[in-house]
Protein backbone atom coordinates (compact mmCIF):
# COMPACT_ATOMS: atom_id res chain seq x y z
CA UNK A 1 -15.71 183.13 -108.46
CA UNK A 2 -16.84 183.25 -112.30
CA UNK A 3 -17.57 180.13 -114.20
CA UNK A 4 -15.35 179.45 -117.21
CA UNK A 5 -17.39 179.64 -120.78
CA UNK A 6 -16.95 177.58 -123.68
CA UNK A 7 -18.30 177.97 -127.28
CA UNK A 8 -20.55 174.64 -128.57
CA UNK A 9 -18.75 173.27 -131.71
CA UNK A 10 -22.13 173.41 -133.40
CA UNK A 11 -23.66 176.50 -132.90
CA UNK A 12 -20.51 178.75 -131.30
CA UNK A 13 -23.43 179.74 -128.41
CA UNK A 14 -21.43 180.71 -124.70
CA UNK A 15 -21.89 177.76 -122.32
CA UNK A 16 -20.37 176.90 -119.02
CA UNK A 17 -18.07 174.24 -118.67
CA UNK A 18 -20.21 172.00 -117.01
CA UNK A 19 -23.23 171.35 -118.97
CA UNK A 20 -23.59 168.10 -120.97
CA UNK A 21 -25.61 169.38 -123.60
CA UNK A 22 -25.66 173.01 -125.62
CA UNK A 23 -28.74 174.94 -124.12
CA UNK A 24 -28.75 176.67 -128.00
CA UNK A 25 -28.75 173.27 -130.24
CA UNK A 26 -29.49 170.42 -127.89
CA UNK A 27 -25.89 169.10 -129.19
CA UNK A 28 -25.03 166.50 -126.09
CA UNK A 29 -21.33 167.80 -125.36
CA UNK A 30 -18.47 165.16 -123.85
CA UNK A 31 -15.60 167.82 -123.02
CA UNK A 32 -13.35 164.87 -122.40
CA UNK A 33 -13.62 162.97 -125.33
CA UNK A 34 -10.84 163.73 -127.88
CA UNK A 35 -12.20 166.65 -129.87
CA UNK A 36 -12.90 163.91 -133.36
CA UNK A 37 -15.18 161.86 -131.02
CA UNK A 38 -17.20 165.02 -129.62
CA UNK A 39 -18.49 166.25 -133.24
CA UNK A 40 -21.20 164.59 -133.95
CA UNK A 41 -21.74 162.71 -137.43
CA UNK A 42 -22.34 164.09 -140.01
CA UNK A 43 -26.45 164.63 -141.19
CA UNK A 44 -27.59 162.57 -144.42
CA UNK A 45 -30.66 163.87 -146.71
CA UNK A 46 -32.42 161.88 -148.70
CA UNK A 47 -33.50 163.05 -151.94
CA UNK A 48 -36.14 162.25 -154.56
CA UNK A 49 -35.84 163.31 -158.47
CA UNK A 50 -39.08 163.88 -159.55
CA UNK A 51 -38.41 165.23 -162.95
CA UNK A 52 -35.18 166.59 -164.90
CA UNK A 53 -35.88 170.16 -166.95
CA UNK A 54 -33.31 170.10 -169.50
CA UNK A 55 -33.36 171.32 -173.17
CA UNK A 56 -33.02 169.15 -176.42
CA UNK A 57 -29.35 169.89 -177.21
CA UNK A 58 -28.06 169.21 -173.61
CA UNK A 59 -29.78 165.74 -173.33
CA UNK A 60 -28.12 165.04 -176.46
CA UNK A 61 -24.81 165.80 -175.66
CA UNK A 62 -25.33 164.16 -172.46
CA UNK A 63 -26.36 160.87 -174.53
CA UNK A 64 -23.47 161.61 -176.54
CA UNK A 65 -21.63 161.69 -173.95
CA UNK A 66 -22.51 158.66 -172.20
CA UNK A 67 -22.27 156.54 -175.21
CA UNK A 68 -18.54 157.13 -175.88
CA UNK A 69 -18.17 156.79 -171.79
CA UNK A 70 -18.98 153.10 -171.96
CA UNK A 71 -17.05 152.29 -174.75
CA UNK A 72 -13.94 151.44 -172.64
CA UNK A 73 -16.45 148.83 -170.54
CA UNK A 74 -17.23 147.71 -173.89
CA UNK A 75 -14.06 147.00 -174.90
CA UNK A 76 -12.95 145.33 -171.17
CA UNK A 77 -16.17 143.19 -171.59
CA UNK A 78 -15.06 142.46 -174.85
CA UNK A 79 -11.58 140.77 -173.89
CA UNK A 80 -13.17 139.18 -170.98
CA UNK A 81 -15.57 137.09 -173.09
CA UNK A 82 -13.40 136.24 -175.66
CA UNK A 83 -10.59 135.31 -173.01
CA UNK A 84 -13.00 133.08 -171.57
CA UNK A 85 -14.08 131.51 -174.65
CA UNK A 86 -10.26 130.74 -175.56
CA UNK A 87 -9.91 129.45 -172.25
CA UNK A 88 -13.14 127.36 -172.90
CA UNK A 89 -12.08 126.56 -176.12
CA UNK A 90 -8.46 125.14 -175.56
CA UNK A 91 -9.88 122.91 -172.28
CA UNK A 92 -12.93 121.23 -174.62
CA UNK A 93 -9.68 120.76 -177.17
CA UNK A 94 -7.17 119.62 -174.66
CA UNK A 95 -10.08 117.08 -173.18
CA UNK A 96 -10.96 115.62 -176.56
CA UNK A 97 -7.15 114.97 -177.73
CA UNK A 98 -6.88 113.10 -174.46
CA UNK A 99 -9.81 110.47 -175.35
């Protein structure tokens, strides 16, 4: 009787259905788990940028784009500060009239 073979979800190697891990990539296999749980989580990689080689013209264009992108944030902050200042002024005016 021949043993039933499966393909490893990671490396696609043929493995017996009774195997607990893939002999090729050593991935742990749980055949009873739903497919979403049987997949290993994605690996994260940490990257450290040590330098940036950018031509001067491209740097100027980047800085102009950043300054234009900051305009909506400045407008929103101005509205918040003016609104808070107006609210505080109204409260102080109301408090002095009650005296």
